[in-house]
Amino acid sequence: TKYDYILSSEAIYTKYKLNPKIKYVLVLFPKQKFIKNYNIKSKHLINIYNYLHHMGFKIIVKSRPKDAVSLNCNGDLLIISDIFPNESLELMKISELCILFSSSAIEETIMMEIPTIDFLVDNEIERRLEFLCKDSTIQLIKNWKNLEFKVFTDAINQLAPKNSEIYKKLKTDYLFEGNISKKILDFIL
């Protein structure tokens, strides 16, 4: 599975030419349909980016080739890809925080044990994989276009740190652990 073949942190820092002494945040850029339907403007994202910079983060923006990223929303590093190995997982591994926009990447954030802010942009589904969404793992922010710094930092401060026990418990209770590919092969053989 995609979780079985993630590079070491050192290899990831080398691959993306990143400094291991810097604090990174991974922003999974919103899909085009959400940008259009929720009327997301660059200024809304730049507000969040400014807060993240103020908090000492370097911003890694990850998007897919079919979802355009506004030039002024590239963050400090822009990765546009949808190939294996999954770059999102690699970048989650070396980041301290993940930002997403009504994304189905909730499972990945739990598997990678990374605290997450989920900005609501999908008016049809408020919470994806709700059983994984605990206040200490994923904070949902609904009205974020005019987000205030204190509201943002309060949400982040409610999150358990990366690799905390709550992520391990959620993985044990609801997901899977270990080398799944090996377990499948062992079962078949």
C-alpha atoms as a PDB file:
ATOM      1  CA  THR A   1       0.000   0.000   0.000  1.00  0.00           C
ATOM      2  CA  LYS A   2       1.033   3.623  -0.239  1.00  0.00           C
ATOM      3  CA  TYR A   3       1.891   3.619   3.484  1.00  0.00           C
ATOM      4  CA  ASP A   4       4.423   0.816   3.089  1.00  0.00           C
ATOM      5  CA  TYR A   5       6.897   2.730   0.927  1.00  0.00           C
ATOM      6  CA  ILE A   6       7.510   6.117   2.469  1.00  0.00           C
ATOM      7  CA  LEU A   7      11.066   7.425   2.363  1.00  0.00           C
ATOM      8  CA  SER A   8      13.008   8.204   5.517  1.00  0.00           C
ATOM      9  CA  SER A   9      12.773  11.785   6.773  1.00  0.00           C
ATOM     10  CA  GLU A  10      16.390  12.372   5.755  1.00  0.00           C
ATOM     11  CA  ALA A  11      15.683  11.163   2.205  1.00  0.00           C
ATOM     12  CA  ILE A  12      12.578  13.361   2.005  1.00  0.00           C
ATOM     13  CA  TYR A  13      14.503  16.470   3.090  1.00  0.00           C
ATOM     14  CA  THR A  14      17.116  15.670   0.434  1.00  0.00           C
ATOM     15  CA  LYS A  15      14.534  14.931  -2.291  1.00  0.00           C
ATOM     16  CA  TYR A  16      12.804  18.295  -1.848  1.00  0.00           C
ATOM     17  CA  LYS A  17      15.977  20.231  -0.902  1.00  0.00           C
ATOM     18  CA  LEU A  18      14.529  21.161   2.514  1.00  0.00           C
ATOM     19  CA  ASN A  19      16.299  22.073   5.737  1.00  0.00           C
ATOM     20  CA  PRO A  20      15.486  19.641   8.589  1.00  0.00           C
ATOM     21  CA  LYS A  21      15.907  22.470  11.127  1.00  0.00           C
ATOM     22  CA  ILE A  22      12.963  24.434   9.713  1.00  0.00           C
ATOM     23  CA  LYS A  23       9.322  24.017  10.795  1.00  0.00           C
ATOM     24  CA  TYR A  24       7.106  23.128   7.814  1.00  0.00           C
ATOM     25  CA  VAL A  25       3.364  23.191   7.232  1.00  0.00           C
ATOM     26  CA  LEU A  26       1.811  21.264   4.360  1.00  0.00           C
ATOM     27  CA  VAL A  27      -1.087  22.991   2.601  1.00  0.00           C
ATOM     28  CA  LEU A  28      -3.124  20.662   0.413  1.00  0.00           C
ATOM     29  CA  PHE A  29      -4.411  23.220  -2.058  1.00  0.00           C
ATOM     30  CA  PRO A  30      -8.196  23.298  -2.598  1.00  0.00           C
ATOM     31  CA  LYS A  31      -9.643  21.602  -5.650  1.00  0.00           C
ATOM     32  CA  GLN A  32     -10.770  23.840  -8.521  1.00  0.00           C
ATOM     33  CA  LYS A  33     -14.426  22.927  -7.972  1.00  0.00           C
ATOM     34  CA  PHE A  34     -14.196  24.206  -4.384  1.00  0.00           C
ATOM     35  CA  ILE A  35     -12.366  27.375  -5.444  1.00  0.00           C
ATOM     36  CA  LYS A  36     -15.181  28.084  -7.888  1.00  0.00           C
ATOM     37  CA  ASN A  37     -18.172  26.926  -5.797  1.00  0.00           C
ATOM     38  CA  TYR A  38     -16.972  28.498  -2.533  1.00  0.00           C
ATOM     39  CA  ASN A  39     -15.626  31.613  -4.308  1.00  0.00           C
ATOM     40  CA  ILE A  40     -12.150  31.271  -2.802  1.00  0.00           C
ATOM     41  CA  LYS A  41      -9.920  34.209  -3.666  1.00  0.00           C
ATOM     42  CA  SER A  42      -6.151  34.455  -3.375  1.00  0.00           C
ATOM     43  CA  LYS A  43      -6.560  36.978  -0.554  1.00  0.00           C
ATOM     44  CA  HIS A  44      -8.321  34.346   1.589  1.00  0.00           C
ATOM     45  CA  LEU A  45      -5.417  31.927   1.214  1.00  0.00           C
ATOM     46  CA  ILE A  46      -2.764  34.620   1.595  1.00  0.00           C
ATOM     47  CA  ASN A  47      -4.343  35.598   4.924  1.00  0.00           C
ATOM     48  CA  ILE A  48      -3.790  32.034   6.157  1.00  0.00           C
ATOM     49  CA  TYR A  49      -0.263  31.975   4.695  1.00  0.00           C
ATOM     50  CA  ASN A  50       0.570  35.217   6.521  1.00  0.00           C
ATOM     51  CA  TYR A  51      -0.596  33.719   9.822  1.00  0.00           C
ATOM     52  CA  LEU A  52       1.468  30.587   9.211  1.00  0.00           C
ATOM     53  CA  HIS A  53       4.578  32.650   8.429  1.00  0.00           C
ATOM     54  CA  HIS A  54       3.957  34.713  11.565  1.00  0.00           C
ATOM     55  CA  MET A  55       3.923  31.438  13.530  1.00  0.00           C
ATOM     56  CA  GLY A  56       7.333  30.515  12.095  1.00  0.00           C
ATOM     57  CA  PHE A  57       6.274  27.988   9.463  1.00  0.00           C
ATOM     58  CA  LYS A  58       7.653  27.582   5.979  1.00  0.00           C
ATOM     59  CA  ILE A  59       4.754  26.709   3.683  1.00  0.00           C
ATOM     60  CA  ILE A  60       4.789  23.729   1.339  1.00  0.00           C
ATOM     61  CA  VAL A  61       1.836  23.838  -1.071  1.00  0.00           C
ATOM     62  CA  LYS A  62       0.844  20.529  -2.663  1.00  0.00           C
ATOM     63  CA  SER A  63      -1.587  20.353  -5.549  1.00  0.00           C
ATOM     64  CA  ARG A  64      -2.575  18.049  -8.376  1.00  0.00           C
ATOM     65  CA  PRO A  65      -1.832  18.833 -12.046  1.00  0.00           C
ATOM     66  CA  LYS A  66      -5.554  19.288 -12.792  1.00  0.00           C
ATOM     67  CA  ASP A  67      -5.944  21.913 -10.022  1.00  0.00           C
ATOM     68  CA  ALA A  68      -4.310  25.237 -10.860  1.00  0.00           C
ATOM     69  CA  VAL A  69      -2.568  27.187  -8.095  1.00  0.00           C
ATOM     70  CA  SER A  70      -2.681  30.980  -8.256  1.00  0.00           C
ATOM     71  CA  LEU A  71       0.819  32.367  -8.735  1.00  0.00           C
ATOM     72  CA  ASN A  72       0.721  34.336  -5.477  1.00  0.00           C
ATOM     73  CA  CYS A  73      -0.448  31.238  -3.533  1.00  0.00           C
ATOM     74  CA  ASN A  74       2.616  29.049  -4.178  1.00  0.00           C
ATOM     75  CA  GLY A  75       3.874  29.266  -0.586  1.00  0.00           C
ATOM     76  CA  ASP A  76       7.599  28.764  -0.022  1.00  0.00           C
ATOM     77  CA  LEU A  77       7.652  25.543  -2.062  1.00  0.00           C
ATOM     78  CA  LEU A  78       5.102  24.343  -4.605  1.00  0.00           C
ATOM     79  CA  ILE A  79       4.764  20.650  -5.467  1.00  0.00           C
ATOM     80  CA  ILE A  80       2.374  19.735  -8.286  1.00  0.00           C
ATOM     81  CA  SER A  81       2.135  15.995  -8.714  1.00  0.00           C
ATOM     82  CA  ASP A  82      -0.102  12.961  -8.441  1.00  0.00           C
ATOM     83  CA  ILE A  83       2.398  10.156  -8.937  1.00  0.00           C
ATOM     84  CA  PHE A  84       3.516   7.216  -6.790  1.00  0.00           C
ATOM     85  CA  PRO A  85       5.121   7.382  -4.305  1.00  0.00           C
ATOM     86  CA  ASN A  86       2.589   9.704  -2.816  1.00  0.00           C
ATOM     87  CA  GLU A  87       4.336  13.025  -2.230  1.00  0.00           C
ATOM     88  CA  SER A  88       1.592  14.152   0.143  1.00  0.00           C
ATOM     89  CA  LEU A  89       2.531  11.355   2.554  1.00  0.00           C
ATOM     90  CA  GLU A  90       6.212  12.204   2.278  1.00  0.00           C
ATOM     91  CA  LEU A  91       5.531  15.864   2.962  1.00  0.00           C
ATOM     92  CA  MET A  92       3.230  15.018   5.893  1.00  0.00           C
ATOM     93  CA  LYS A  93       6.050  12.976   7.370  1.00  0.00           C
ATOM     94  CA  ILE A  94       8.366  16.009   7.628  1.00  0.00           C
ATOM     95  CA  SER A  95       5.734  18.681   8.336  1.00  0.00           C
ATOM     96  CA  GLU A  96       4.438  19.705  11.767  1.00  0.00           C
ATOM     97  CA  LEU A  97       0.951  20.720  10.613  1.00  0.00           C
ATOM     98  CA  CYS A  98      -1.351  19.977   7.676  1.00  0.00           C
ATOM     99  CA  ILE A  99      -3.913  22.373   6.236  1.00  0.00           C
ATOM    100  CA  LEU A 100      -6.642  21.041   3.969  1.00  0.00           C
ATOM    101  CA  PHE A 101      -9.895  22.191   2.430  1.00  0.00           C
ATOM    102  CA  SER A 102     -12.716  19.615   2.768  1.00  0.00           C
ATOM    103  CA  SER A 103     -10.280  17.013   1.516  1.00  0.00           C
ATOM    104  CA  SER A 104     -10.583  13.251   1.639  1.00  0.00           C
ATOM    105  CA  ALA A 105      -6.968  13.196   2.943  1.00  0.00           C
ATOM    106  CA  ILE A 106      -8.270  12.832   6.519  1.00  0.00           C
ATOM    107  CA  GLU A 107      -7.230   9.168   6.573  1.00  0.00           C
ATOM    108  CA  GLU A 108      -3.720  10.089   5.423  1.00  0.00           C
ATOM    109  CA  THR A 109      -3.324  12.715   8.143  1.00  0.00           C
ATOM    110  CA  ILE A 110      -4.254  10.159  10.810  1.00  0.00           C
ATOM    111  CA  MET A 111      -1.958   7.522   9.316  1.00  0.00           C
ATOM    112  CA  MET A 112       0.904  10.047   9.204  1.00  0.00           C
ATOM    113  CA  GLU A 113       0.013  11.242  12.740  1.00  0.00           C
ATOM    114  CA  ILE A 114      -0.044  14.926  11.833  1.00  0.00           C
ATOM    115  CA  PRO A 115      -2.298  17.586  13.410  1.00  0.00           C
ATOM    116  CA  THR A 116      -4.668  19.048  10.839  1.00  0.00           C
ATOM    117  CA  ILE A 117      -6.798  22.113  10.212  1.00  0.00           C
ATOM    118  CA  ASP A 118      -9.718  21.438   7.852  1.00  0.00           C
ATOM    119  CA  PHE A 119     -11.203  24.556   6.268  1.00  0.00           C
ATOM    120  CA  LEU A 120     -14.781  23.822   5.226  1.00  0.00           C
ATOM    121  CA  VAL A 121     -15.383  24.519   1.520  1.00  0.00           C
ATOM    122  CA  ASP A 122     -17.775  21.707   0.612  1.00  0.00           C
ATOM    123  CA  ASN A 123     -21.368  22.647   1.297  1.00  0.00           C
ATOM    124  CA  GLU A 124     -22.555  19.078   0.627  1.00  0.00           C
ATOM    125  CA  ILE A 125     -20.351  17.158   3.092  1.00  0.00           C
ATOM    126  CA  GLU A 126     -19.317  18.941   6.274  1.00  0.00           C
ATOM    127  CA  ARG A 127     -17.039  16.213   7.664  1.00  0.00           C
ATOM    128  CA  ARG A 128     -15.397  13.440   5.753  1.00  0.00           C
ATOM    129  CA  LEU A 129     -14.551  10.276   7.709  1.00  0.00           C
ATOM    130  CA  GLU A 130     -16.148  11.791  10.787  1.00  0.00           C
ATOM    131  CA  PHE A 131     -15.210   8.802  12.957  1.00  0.00           C
ATOM    132  CA  LEU A 132     -11.541   9.855  12.599  1.00  0.00           C
ATOM    133  CA  CYS A 133     -12.208  13.505  13.388  1.00  0.00           C
ATOM    134  CA  LYS A 134     -11.438  14.155  17.025  1.00  0.00           C
ATOM    135  CA  ASP A 135     -10.962  17.705  18.305  1.00  0.00           C
ATOM    136  CA  SER A 136      -7.381  16.839  19.197  1.00  0.00           C
ATOM    137  CA  THR A 137      -6.499  15.532  15.709  1.00  0.00           C
ATOM    138  CA  ILE A 138      -8.488  17.608  13.213  1.00  0.00           C
ATOM    139  CA  GLN A 139      -9.969  21.034  13.809  1.00  0.00           C
ATOM    140  CA  LEU A 140     -12.773  22.049  11.444  1.00  0.00           C
ATOM    141  CA  ILE A 141     -13.013  25.776  10.737  1.00  0.00           C
ATOM    142  CA  LYS A 142     -16.239  26.743   9.003  1.00  0.00           C
ATOM    143  CA  ASN A 143     -16.173  30.516   8.535  1.00  0.00           C
ATOM    144  CA  TRP A 144     -12.578  31.064   7.547  1.00  0.00           C
ATOM    145  CA  LYS A 145     -12.566  33.656   4.773  1.00  0.00           C
ATOM    146  CA  ASN A 146     -12.159  36.466   7.313  1.00  0.00           C
ATOM    147  CA  LEU A 147     -10.288  34.327   9.810  1.00  0.00           C
ATOM    148  CA  GLU A 148      -8.754  36.122  12.782  1.00  0.00           C
ATOM    149  CA  PHE A 149      -5.287  35.156  13.992  1.00  0.00           C
ATOM    150  CA  LYS A 150      -6.506  34.289  17.512  1.00  0.00           C
ATOM    151  CA  VAL A 151      -9.221  31.945  16.210  1.00  0.00           C
ATOM    152  CA  PHE A 152      -6.630  30.236  14.011  1.00  0.00           C
ATOM    153  CA  THR A 153      -4.031  29.831  16.753  1.00  0.00           C
ATOM    154  CA  ASP A 154      -6.684  28.671  19.246  1.00  0.00           C
ATOM    155  CA  ALA A 155      -7.692  25.914  16.816  1.00  0.00           C
ATOM    156  CA  ILE A 156      -4.070  24.865  16.320  1.00  0.00           C
ATOM    157  CA  ASN A 157      -3.437  24.883  20.076  1.00  0.00           C
ATOM    158  CA  GLN A 158      -6.303  22.403  20.582  1.00  0.00           C
ATOM    159  CA  LEU A 159      -4.523  19.846  18.400  1.00  0.00           C
ATOM    160  CA  ALA A 160      -2.393  17.062  19.837  1.00  0.00           C
ATOM    161  CA  PRO A 161       1.246  17.281  18.746  1.00  0.00           C
ATOM    162  CA  LYS A 162       2.484  15.203  15.849  1.00  0.00           C
ATOM    163  CA  ASN A 163       2.901  11.476  16.621  1.00  0.00           C
ATOM    164  CA  SER A 164       0.795  11.690  19.806  1.00  0.00           C
ATOM    165  CA  GLU A 165      -0.915   8.642  21.243  1.00  0.00           C
ATOM    166  CA  ILE A 166      -4.370   9.680  19.936  1.00  0.00           C
ATOM    167  CA  TYR A 167      -3.251   9.061  16.333  1.00  0.00           C
ATOM    168  CA  LYS A 168      -1.955   5.603  17.225  1.00  0.00           C
ATOM    169  CA  LYS A 169      -5.251   4.793  18.961  1.00  0.00           C
ATOM    170  CA  LEU A 170      -7.313   5.914  15.954  1.00  0.00           C
ATOM    171  CA  LYS A 171      -5.131   3.826  13.639  1.00  0.00           C
ATOM    172  CA  THR A 172      -5.541   0.768  15.885  1.00  0.00           C
ATOM    173  CA  ASP A 173      -9.287   1.267  16.315  1.00  0.00           C
ATOM    174  CA  TYR A 174     -10.288   2.242  12.773  1.00  0.00           C
ATOM    175  CA  LEU A 175      -7.481   1.838  10.250  1.00  0.00           C
ATOM    176  CA  PHE A 176      -4.531  -0.490   9.836  1.00  0.00           C
ATOM    177  CA  GLU A 177      -0.960  -0.742  10.994  1.00  0.00           C
ATOM    178  CA  GLY A 178       2.301  -2.191   9.780  1.00  0.00           C
ATOM    179  CA  ASN A 179       3.271  -3.376   6.327  1.00  0.00           C
ATOM    180  CA  ILE A 180      -0.133  -4.120   4.818  1.00  0.00           C
ATOM    181  CA  SER A 181       1.327  -5.386   1.539  1.00  0.00           C
ATOM    182  CA  LYS A 182       3.297  -8.026   3.441  1.00  0.00           C
ATOM    183  CA  LYS A 183       0.233  -9.018   5.484  1.00  0.00           C
ATOM    184  CA  ILE A 184      -1.816  -9.478   2.307  1.00  0.00           C
ATOM    185  CA  LEU A 185       0.892 -11.575   0.655  1.00  0.00           C
ATOM    186  CA  ASP A 186       1.375 -13.670   3.787  1.00  0.00           C
ATOM    187  CA  PHE A 187      -2.370 -14.289   3.909  1.00  0.00           C
ATOM    188  CA  ILE A 188      -2.558 -15.294   0.230  1.00  0.00           C
ATOM    189  CA  LEU A 189       0.528 -17.486   0.309  1.00  0.00           C
END
